[in-house]
């Protein structure tokens, strides 16, 4: 018996959409985390087609999203500020601004630059910021070789505010 595509079996905003670039388990994990957190301020690095952004925006009061050229209708997201361009330049500026205002970022999804250096910079920029104090940081594609190598170069023990790390929070495997 052939399996139906996910969109034919589910119709909700998490499993029934085709604009996500994540597996169903990853989607469900992010949805559950956001539902529990109810973040005031969130950041997404890597908007793409806006699948995860829809859910982050639905659960957050305010969102800042970074992408070189996202394929989403900005008017559909009144609580989202879109930052177009190199997040390695734009993110530190936003974090410095939020730190000056003594604001805390509650949730971050890192799913942008999948190069070794890029993911390292994203994570180090976040961890170095005073606006990232009590923050859940979710990293996507940690099984990607370049992403895994970049994460391995970050000395998480050097950051006392890091209290829990699980790079395999949602373990994926290929179907037989």
N, C-alpha and C. Protein backbone atom coordinates (compact mmCIF):
# COMPACT_ATOMS: atom_id res chain seq x y z
N UNK A 1 0.84 -1.17 0.00
CA UNK A 1 0.00 0.00 0.00
C UNK A 1 0.89 1.24 0.00
N UNK A 2 0.67 2.11 -0.93
CA UNK A 2 1.46 3.35 -1.03
C UNK A 2 0.97 4.35 0.00
N UNK A 3 1.91 5.00 0.63
CA UNK A 3 1.58 6.02 1.64
C UNK A 3 1.13 7.30 0.95
N UNK A 4 0.14 7.94 1.52
CA UNK A 4 -0.31 9.24 1.01
C UNK A 4 0.69 10.31 1.41
N UNK A 5 0.86 11.33 0.60
CA UNK A 5 1.73 12.45 1.02
C UNK A 5 1.18 13.05 2.31
N UNK A 6 2.07 13.60 3.11
CA UNK A 6 1.71 14.18 4.40
C UNK A 6 0.56 15.17 4.27
N UNK A 7 0.59 16.03 3.26
CA UNK A 7 -0.45 17.05 3.10
C UNK A 7 -1.82 16.43 2.84
N UNK A 8 -1.87 15.23 2.27
CA UNK A 8 -3.15 14.58 2.00
C UNK A 8 -3.73 13.95 3.26
N UNK A 9 -2.89 13.70 4.26
CA UNK A 9 -3.34 13.05 5.49
C UNK A 9 -3.64 14.04 6.61
N UNK A 10 -3.04 15.20 6.58
CA UNK A 10 -3.20 16.18 7.65
C UNK A 10 -3.53 17.53 7.04
N UNK A 11 -4.30 18.31 7.76
CA UNK A 11 -4.70 19.60 7.20
C UNK A 11 -4.36 20.78 8.11
N UNK A 12 -3.72 20.53 9.23
CA UNK A 12 -3.41 21.60 10.17
C UNK A 12 -2.20 22.42 9.76
N UNK A 13 -1.89 23.46 10.52
CA UNK A 13 -0.79 24.37 10.19
C UNK A 13 0.60 23.77 10.37
N UNK A 14 0.71 22.67 11.10
CA UNK A 14 2.02 22.09 11.35
C UNK A 14 2.30 20.95 10.36
N UNK A 15 1.43 19.97 10.30
CA UNK A 15 1.68 18.81 9.45
C UNK A 15 1.07 18.93 8.06
N UNK A 16 0.10 19.78 7.89
CA UNK A 16 -0.61 19.85 6.62
C UNK A 16 -0.06 20.85 5.62
N UNK A 17 1.00 21.53 5.95
CA UNK A 17 1.56 22.56 5.06
C UNK A 17 2.75 22.01 4.29
N UNK A 18 2.94 22.50 3.08
CA UNK A 18 4.07 22.05 2.27
C UNK A 18 5.22 23.06 2.28
N UNK A 19 5.07 24.19 2.96
CA UNK A 19 6.11 25.22 2.95
C UNK A 19 7.15 25.04 4.05
N UNK A 20 7.11 23.93 4.75
CA UNK A 20 8.13 23.60 5.75
C UNK A 20 9.27 22.87 5.05
N UNK A 21 10.47 23.09 5.52
CA UNK A 21 11.61 22.31 5.04
C UNK A 21 12.15 21.49 6.20
N UNK A 22 11.20 20.87 6.92
CA UNK A 22 11.53 20.03 8.07
C UNK A 22 10.66 18.79 8.04
N UNK A 23 11.16 17.73 8.68
CA UNK A 23 10.41 16.49 8.82
C UNK A 23 9.27 16.70 9.82
N UNK A 24 8.23 15.86 9.76
CA UNK A 24 7.09 16.00 10.68
C UNK A 24 7.48 16.00 12.15
N UNK A 25 8.42 15.17 12.56
CA UNK A 25 8.84 15.15 13.97
C UNK A 25 9.49 16.44 14.39
N UNK A 26 10.26 17.05 13.50
CA UNK A 26 10.90 18.33 13.80
C UNK A 26 9.84 19.42 13.93
N UNK A 27 8.87 19.39 13.04
CA UNK A 27 7.78 20.37 13.10
C UNK A 27 7.03 20.26 14.41
N UNK A 28 6.69 19.04 14.78
CA UNK A 28 5.93 18.82 16.01
C UNK A 28 6.73 19.25 17.24
N UNK A 29 8.04 18.98 17.25
CA UNK A 29 8.88 19.37 18.38
C UNK A 29 8.91 20.88 18.54
N UNK A 30 9.07 21.59 17.42
CA UNK A 30 9.11 23.06 17.48
C UNK A 30 7.76 23.61 17.92
N UNK A 31 6.69 23.05 17.38
CA UNK A 31 5.35 23.50 17.76
C UNK A 31 5.11 23.29 19.25
N UNK A 32 5.49 22.14 19.77
CA UNK A 32 5.31 21.86 21.19
C UNK A 32 6.13 22.79 22.07
N UNK A 33 7.36 23.02 21.69
CA UNK A 33 8.22 23.93 22.46
C UNK A 33 7.65 25.35 22.46
N UNK A 34 7.26 25.84 21.29
CA UNK A 34 6.69 27.19 21.21
C UNK A 34 5.39 27.30 22.00
N UNK A 35 4.58 26.26 21.95
CA UNK A 35 3.31 26.26 22.68
C UNK A 35 3.54 26.36 24.18
N UNK A 36 4.56 25.69 24.68
CA UNK A 36 4.89 25.76 26.10
C UNK A 36 5.54 27.09 26.48
N UNK A 37 6.45 27.58 25.62
CA UNK A 37 7.21 28.79 25.93
C UNK A 37 6.38 30.07 25.86
N UNK A 38 5.53 30.16 24.84
CA UNK A 38 4.80 31.40 24.58
C UNK A 38 5.75 32.60 24.58
N UNK A 39 6.73 32.58 23.67
CA UNK A 39 7.78 33.61 23.69
C UNK A 39 7.24 35.02 23.44
N UNK A 40 7.82 35.96 24.15
CA UNK A 40 7.53 37.36 23.85
C UNK A 40 8.33 37.79 22.64
N UNK A 41 9.61 37.42 22.62
CA UNK A 41 10.52 37.84 21.56
C UNK A 41 11.25 36.62 21.00
N UNK A 42 11.14 36.43 19.68
CA UNK A 42 11.78 35.31 19.01
C UNK A 42 12.60 35.80 17.83
N UNK A 43 13.59 34.97 17.46
CA UNK A 43 14.42 35.23 16.29
C UNK A 43 14.46 33.96 15.46
N UNK A 44 14.36 34.13 14.15
CA UNK A 44 14.55 33.01 13.23
C UNK A 44 15.65 33.40 12.26
N UNK A 45 16.64 32.53 12.12
CA UNK A 45 17.70 32.72 11.15
C UNK A 45 17.46 31.71 10.04
N UNK A 46 17.03 32.20 8.88
CA UNK A 46 16.71 31.33 7.75
C UNK A 46 15.21 31.18 7.58
N UNK A 47 14.60 32.07 6.83
CA UNK A 47 13.15 32.10 6.67
C UNK A 47 12.66 31.15 5.58
N UNK A 48 13.37 31.10 4.45
CA UNK A 48 13.01 30.27 3.29
C UNK A 48 11.57 30.52 2.87
N UNK A 49 10.73 29.48 2.91
CA UNK A 49 9.34 29.61 2.48
C UNK A 49 8.38 29.95 3.61
N UNK A 50 8.91 30.13 4.82
CA UNK A 50 8.09 30.62 5.92
C UNK A 50 7.32 29.59 6.71
N UNK A 51 7.57 28.30 6.52
CA UNK A 51 6.84 27.27 7.27
C UNK A 51 7.02 27.40 8.76
N UNK A 52 8.26 27.42 9.21
CA UNK A 52 8.49 27.56 10.65
C UNK A 52 8.17 28.97 11.13
N UNK A 53 8.37 29.96 10.28
CA UNK A 53 8.04 31.34 10.66
C UNK A 53 6.56 31.48 11.00
N UNK A 54 5.69 30.81 10.25
CA UNK A 54 4.25 30.88 10.56
C UNK A 54 3.97 30.47 11.99
N UNK A 55 4.61 29.39 12.44
CA UNK A 55 4.35 28.89 13.78
C UNK A 55 5.05 29.73 14.85
N UNK A 56 6.26 30.19 14.55
CA UNK A 56 6.95 31.06 15.50
C UNK A 56 6.13 32.33 15.71
N UNK A 57 5.66 32.92 14.62
CA UNK A 57 4.86 34.15 14.70
C UNK A 57 3.53 33.92 15.42
N UNK A 58 2.94 32.75 15.23
CA UNK A 58 1.65 32.45 15.87
C UNK A 58 1.78 32.36 17.38
N UNK A 59 2.95 31.98 17.87
CA UNK A 59 3.15 31.79 19.30
C UNK A 59 3.89 32.95 19.97
N UNK A 60 4.45 33.87 19.19
CA UNK A 60 5.30 34.93 19.74
C UNK A 60 4.63 36.29 19.62
N UNK A 61 4.95 37.17 20.55
CA UNK A 61 4.47 38.55 20.45
C UNK A 61 5.21 39.30 19.35
N UNK A 62 6.52 39.06 19.25
CA UNK A 62 7.37 39.78 18.31
C UNK A 62 8.42 38.82 17.76
N UNK A 63 8.66 38.91 16.45
CA UNK A 63 9.64 38.03 15.80
C UNK A 63 10.53 38.87 14.89
N UNK A 64 11.81 38.54 14.88
CA UNK A 64 12.76 39.08 13.91
C UNK A 64 13.27 37.89 13.11
N UNK A 65 13.15 37.97 11.77
CA UNK A 65 13.60 36.87 10.93
C UNK A 65 14.62 37.37 9.92
N UNK A 66 15.61 36.54 9.66
CA UNK A 66 16.74 36.89 8.80
C UNK A 66 16.82 35.94 7.63
N UNK A 67 16.97 36.50 6.43
CA UNK A 67 17.14 35.68 5.23
C UNK A 67 17.68 36.56 4.11
N UNK A 68 18.36 35.93 3.17
CA UNK A 68 18.87 36.67 2.01
C UNK A 68 17.73 37.06 1.08
N UNK A 69 16.71 36.24 1.00
CA UNK A 69 15.58 36.52 0.10
C UNK A 69 14.46 35.54 0.32
N UNK A 70 13.76 35.65 1.42
CA UNK A 70 12.68 34.72 1.76
C UNK A 70 11.55 34.80 0.76
N UNK A 71 10.87 33.67 0.60
CA UNK A 71 9.75 33.57 -0.35
C UNK A 71 8.42 33.61 0.40
N UNK A 72 8.18 34.68 1.14
CA UNK A 72 6.95 34.79 1.91
C UNK A 72 6.32 36.16 1.68
N UNK A 73 5.03 36.21 1.92
CA UNK A 73 4.28 37.46 1.83
C UNK A 73 4.38 38.16 3.19
N UNK A 74 5.17 39.22 3.25
CA UNK A 74 5.44 39.90 4.52
C UNK A 74 4.18 40.44 5.18
N UNK A 75 3.21 40.86 4.41
CA UNK A 75 1.98 41.43 4.98
C UNK A 75 1.21 40.41 5.82
N UNK A 76 1.47 39.12 5.62
CA UNK A 76 0.78 38.07 6.37
C UNK A 76 1.33 37.94 7.79
N UNK A 77 2.39 38.69 8.11
CA UNK A 77 3.06 38.56 9.39
C UNK A 77 3.20 39.93 10.06
N UNK A 78 2.13 40.45 10.66
CA UNK A 78 2.19 41.80 11.23
C UNK A 78 3.12 41.93 12.44
N UNK A 79 3.44 40.83 13.11
CA UNK A 79 4.31 40.90 14.29
C UNK A 79 5.75 40.50 13.97
N UNK A 80 6.09 40.46 12.67
CA UNK A 80 7.42 40.03 12.25
C UNK A 80 8.16 41.17 11.56
N UNK A 81 9.42 41.37 11.96
CA UNK A 81 10.31 42.28 11.27
C UNK A 81 11.25 41.44 10.41
N UNK A 82 11.25 41.73 9.11
CA UNK A 82 12.08 40.99 8.16
C UNK A 82 13.40 41.71 7.98
N UNK A 83 14.49 40.98 8.16
CA UNK A 83 15.83 41.51 7.96
C UNK A 83 16.41 40.81 6.74
N UNK A 84 16.55 41.55 5.64
CA UNK A 84 17.05 40.98 4.39
C UNK A 84 18.53 41.29 4.25
N UNK A 85 19.31 40.25 4.01
CA UNK A 85 20.74 40.44 3.84
C UNK A 85 21.51 39.44 4.67
N UNK A 86 22.78 39.71 4.85
CA UNK A 86 23.70 38.82 5.54
C UNK A 86 23.44 38.87 7.04
N UNK A 87 22.94 37.77 7.59
CA UNK A 87 22.63 37.76 9.02
C UNK A 87 23.89 37.85 9.88
N UNK A 88 25.07 37.57 9.31
CA UNK A 88 26.29 37.70 10.09
C UNK A 88 26.63 39.17 10.34
N UNK A 89 26.04 40.05 9.55
CA UNK A 89 26.17 41.49 9.76
C UNK A 89 24.96 42.01 10.54
N UNK A 90 23.77 41.58 10.12
CA UNK A 90 22.53 42.13 10.67
C UNK A 90 22.19 41.61 12.07
N UNK A 91 22.44 40.33 12.33
CA UNK A 91 22.09 39.76 13.64
C UNK A 91 22.84 40.42 14.79
N UNK A 92 24.18 40.59 14.70
CA UNK A 92 24.87 41.26 15.81
C UNK A 92 24.34 42.67 16.07
N UNK A 93 23.93 43.38 15.03
CA UNK A 93 23.35 44.72 15.22
C UNK A 93 22.05 44.65 16.00
N UNK A 94 21.18 43.72 15.61
CA UNK A 94 19.91 43.58 16.33
C UNK A 94 20.16 43.16 17.77
N UNK A 95 21.03 42.20 17.98
CA UNK A 95 21.31 41.74 19.34
C UNK A 95 21.87 42.87 20.21
N UNK A 96 22.74 43.70 19.65
CA UNK A 96 23.29 44.84 20.40
C UNK A 96 22.17 45.82 20.76
N UNK A 97 21.27 46.06 19.83
CA UNK A 97 20.13 46.95 20.08
C UNK A 97 19.24 46.38 21.19
N UNK A 98 18.93 45.10 21.12
CA UNK A 98 18.09 44.48 22.14
C UNK A 98 18.79 44.48 23.50
N UNK A 99 20.09 44.29 23.50
CA UNK A 99 20.85 44.31 24.75
C UNK A 99 20.82 45.70 25.37
N UNK A 100 20.98 46.74 24.55
CA UNK A 100 20.90 48.13 25.07
C UNK A 100 19.54 48.39 25.69
N UNK A 101 18.50 47.80 25.13
CA UNK A 101 17.15 47.96 25.67
C UNK A 101 16.85 47.00 26.81
N UNK A 102 17.84 46.19 27.17
CA UNK A 102 17.72 45.20 28.25
C UNK A 102 16.60 44.20 28.01
N UNK A 103 16.44 43.84 26.75
CA UNK A 103 15.41 42.86 26.40
C UNK A 103 16.04 41.48 26.33
N UNK A 104 15.23 40.47 26.53
CA UNK A 104 15.67 39.08 26.45
C UNK A 104 14.99 38.41 25.26
N UNK A 105 15.77 37.69 24.49
CA UNK A 105 15.24 36.86 23.40
C UNK A 105 14.85 35.53 24.03
N UNK A 106 13.60 35.13 23.86
CA UNK A 106 13.10 33.91 24.49
C UNK A 106 13.36 32.65 23.66
N UNK A 107 13.31 32.80 22.34
CA UNK A 107 13.41 31.64 21.45
C UNK A 107 14.17 32.03 20.20
N UNK A 108 15.05 31.12 19.74
CA UNK A 108 15.77 31.31 18.48
C UNK A 108 15.76 30.00 17.70
N UNK A 109 15.46 30.09 16.42
CA UNK A 109 15.63 28.96 15.50
C UNK A 109 16.76 29.32 14.55
N UNK A 110 17.83 28.53 14.57
CA UNK A 110 18.98 28.73 13.69
C UNK A 110 18.87 27.72 12.55
N UNK A 111 18.57 28.21 11.36
CA UNK A 111 18.40 27.34 10.19
C UNK A 111 18.75 28.13 8.93
N UNK A 112 19.87 28.85 8.98
CA UNK A 112 20.24 29.72 7.87
C UNK A 112 21.48 29.24 7.14
N UNK A 113 22.60 29.78 7.49
CA UNK A 113 23.88 29.48 6.86
C UNK A 113 24.34 28.10 7.32
N UNK A 114 24.35 27.14 6.42
CA UNK A 114 24.69 25.76 6.77
C UNK A 114 26.17 25.43 6.55
N UNK A 115 27.01 26.47 6.43
CA UNK A 115 28.45 26.21 6.32
C UNK A 115 29.03 26.07 7.72
N UNK A 116 30.18 25.44 7.80
CA UNK A 116 30.86 25.25 9.08
C UNK A 116 31.06 26.59 9.79
N UNK A 117 31.63 27.54 9.07
CA UNK A 117 31.91 28.86 9.64
C UNK A 117 30.61 29.61 9.95
N UNK A 118 29.63 29.48 9.07
CA UNK A 118 28.38 30.21 9.23
C UNK A 118 27.61 29.80 10.48
N UNK A 119 27.47 28.52 10.71
CA UNK A 119 26.73 28.06 11.89
C UNK A 119 27.52 28.39 13.16
N UNK A 120 28.84 28.30 13.10
CA UNK A 120 29.66 28.68 14.25
C UNK A 120 29.43 30.13 14.61
N UNK A 121 29.47 31.00 13.59
CA UNK A 121 29.26 32.44 13.85
C UNK A 121 27.87 32.71 14.40
N UNK A 122 26.85 32.07 13.82
CA UNK A 122 25.49 32.27 14.32
C UNK A 122 25.41 31.95 15.82
N UNK A 123 25.91 30.78 16.18
CA UNK A 123 25.81 30.35 17.57
C UNK A 123 26.66 31.23 18.49
N UNK A 124 27.86 31.56 18.07
CA UNK A 124 28.71 32.40 18.92
C UNK A 124 28.15 33.81 19.06
N UNK A 125 27.58 34.37 18.00
CA UNK A 125 26.94 35.69 18.11
C UNK A 125 25.82 35.66 19.13
N UNK A 126 25.02 34.61 19.08
CA UNK A 126 23.91 34.49 20.03
C UNK A 126 24.42 34.34 21.46
N UNK A 127 25.36 33.43 21.66
CA UNK A 127 25.84 33.16 23.02
C UNK A 127 26.60 34.33 23.62
N UNK A 128 27.21 35.17 22.79
CA UNK A 128 27.97 36.33 23.29
C UNK A 128 27.06 37.49 23.68
N UNK A 129 25.81 37.45 23.27
CA UNK A 129 24.92 38.59 23.47
C UNK A 129 24.28 38.59 24.86
N UNK A 130 24.22 39.78 25.43
CA UNK A 130 23.51 39.97 26.69
C UNK A 130 22.00 39.91 26.53
N UNK A 131 21.51 39.92 25.30
CA UNK A 131 20.07 39.78 25.04
C UNK A 131 19.65 38.31 25.01
N UNK A 132 20.63 37.43 25.04
CA UNK A 132 20.38 35.99 25.06
C UNK A 132 20.79 35.49 26.44
N UNK A 133 19.83 35.58 27.37
CA UNK A 133 20.11 35.23 28.77
C UNK A 133 19.33 33.99 29.19
N UNK A 134 18.05 34.02 28.97
CA UNK A 134 17.15 32.90 29.29
C UNK A 134 16.48 32.54 27.97
N UNK A 135 17.19 31.80 27.15
CA UNK A 135 16.80 31.61 25.76
C UNK A 135 16.88 30.15 25.37
N UNK A 136 15.88 29.70 24.64
CA UNK A 136 15.92 28.39 24.02
C UNK A 136 16.42 28.59 22.59
N UNK A 137 17.53 27.94 22.28
CA UNK A 137 18.10 28.02 20.94
C UNK A 137 17.95 26.65 20.30
N UNK A 138 17.21 26.61 19.20
CA UNK A 138 17.00 25.37 18.46
C UNK A 138 17.80 25.46 17.17
N UNK A 139 18.62 24.44 16.93
CA UNK A 139 19.46 24.39 15.74
C UNK A 139 18.91 23.31 14.81
N UNK A 140 18.68 23.68 13.57
CA UNK A 140 18.19 22.70 12.60
C UNK A 140 19.35 22.15 11.78
N UNK A 141 19.21 20.94 11.29
CA UNK A 141 20.18 20.28 10.42
C UNK A 141 21.49 19.96 11.12
N UNK A 142 21.44 19.60 12.40
CA UNK A 142 22.66 19.30 13.13
C UNK A 142 23.33 18.00 12.67
N UNK A 143 22.64 17.21 11.87
CA UNK A 143 23.24 15.99 11.32
C UNK A 143 23.96 16.28 10.00
N UNK A 144 23.76 17.46 9.45
CA UNK A 144 24.49 17.89 8.25
C UNK A 144 25.96 17.98 8.64
N UNK A 145 26.85 17.41 7.83
CA UNK A 145 28.28 17.36 8.19
C UNK A 145 28.88 18.73 8.46
N UNK A 146 28.62 19.70 7.60
CA UNK A 146 29.19 21.04 7.80
C UNK A 146 28.63 21.69 9.06
N UNK A 147 27.33 21.54 9.28
CA UNK A 147 26.72 22.11 10.49
C UNK A 147 27.32 21.45 11.73
N UNK A 148 27.42 20.14 11.72
CA UNK A 148 27.98 19.42 12.88
C UNK A 148 29.42 19.85 13.14
N UNK A 149 30.20 20.03 12.09
CA UNK A 149 31.60 20.46 12.27
C UNK A 149 31.65 21.88 12.84
N UNK A 150 30.78 22.75 12.37
CA UNK A 150 30.74 24.11 12.90
C UNK A 150 30.36 24.14 14.36
N UNK A 151 29.38 23.33 14.74
CA UNK A 151 28.95 23.28 16.14
C UNK A 151 30.06 22.73 17.03
N UNK A 152 30.83 21.79 16.51
CA UNK A 152 31.92 21.20 17.28
C UNK A 152 33.02 22.20 17.60
N UNK A 153 33.09 23.29 16.84
CA UNK A 153 34.13 24.29 17.08
C UNK A 153 33.73 25.32 18.14
N UNK A 154 32.49 25.28 18.58
CA UNK A 154 32.03 26.23 19.60
C UNK A 154 32.26 25.61 20.98
N UNK A 155 32.98 26.34 21.83
CA UNK A 155 33.26 25.88 23.18
C UNK A 155 32.07 26.23 24.07
N UNK A 156 31.11 25.33 24.13
CA UNK A 156 29.90 25.59 24.91
C UNK A 156 30.19 25.69 26.40
N UNK A 157 31.24 25.02 26.87
CA UNK A 157 31.60 25.09 28.30
C UNK A 157 32.09 26.48 28.69
N UNK A 158 32.51 27.27 27.72
CA UNK A 158 32.99 28.63 28.00
C UNK A 158 31.84 29.60 28.23
N UNK A 159 30.61 29.13 28.04
CA UNK A 159 29.43 29.99 28.20
C UNK A 159 28.61 29.47 29.39
N UNK A 160 28.76 30.06 30.57
CA UNK A 160 28.06 29.57 31.76
C UNK A 160 26.54 29.60 31.63
N UNK A 161 26.02 30.40 30.73
CA UNK A 161 24.56 30.45 30.60
C UNK A 161 24.00 29.25 29.84
N UNK A 162 24.85 28.45 29.21
CA UNK A 162 24.40 27.23 28.54
C UNK A 162 24.20 26.17 29.60
N UNK A 163 22.95 25.73 29.77
CA UNK A 163 22.65 24.76 30.83
C UNK A 163 22.22 23.40 30.29
N UNK A 164 21.86 23.31 29.01
CA UNK A 164 21.43 22.03 28.45
C UNK A 164 21.71 22.03 26.96
N UNK A 165 22.30 20.96 26.47
CA UNK A 165 22.59 20.81 25.04
C UNK A 165 22.19 19.41 24.62
N UNK A 166 21.43 19.31 23.53
CA UNK A 166 21.07 18.02 22.97
C UNK A 166 21.00 18.18 21.46
N UNK A 167 22.07 17.81 20.77
CA UNK A 167 22.11 17.98 19.32
C UNK A 167 21.27 16.94 18.59
N UNK A 168 20.76 15.97 19.31
CA UNK A 168 19.89 14.96 18.69
C UNK A 168 18.50 14.98 19.28
N UNK A 169 17.99 16.16 19.62
CA UNK A 169 16.68 16.29 20.27
C UNK A 169 15.59 15.58 19.48
N UNK A 170 15.61 15.74 18.18
CA UNK A 170 14.71 15.01 17.30
C UNK A 170 15.60 14.19 16.38
N UNK A 171 15.77 12.93 16.72
CA UNK A 171 16.62 12.04 15.92
C UNK A 171 15.86 11.58 14.68
N UNK A 172 16.51 11.68 13.55
CA UNK A 172 15.89 11.26 12.29
C UNK A 172 16.65 10.07 11.73
N UNK A 173 15.93 9.19 11.10
CA UNK A 173 16.57 8.08 10.42
C UNK A 173 15.81 7.81 9.14
N UNK A 174 16.48 7.21 8.23
CA UNK A 174 15.87 6.88 6.95
C UNK A 174 14.96 5.67 7.12
N UNK A 175 13.85 5.67 6.41
CA UNK A 175 12.95 4.52 6.42
C UNK A 175 13.65 3.34 5.72
N UNK A 176 13.34 2.12 6.16
CA UNK A 176 14.00 0.94 5.53
C UNK A 176 13.63 0.80 4.08
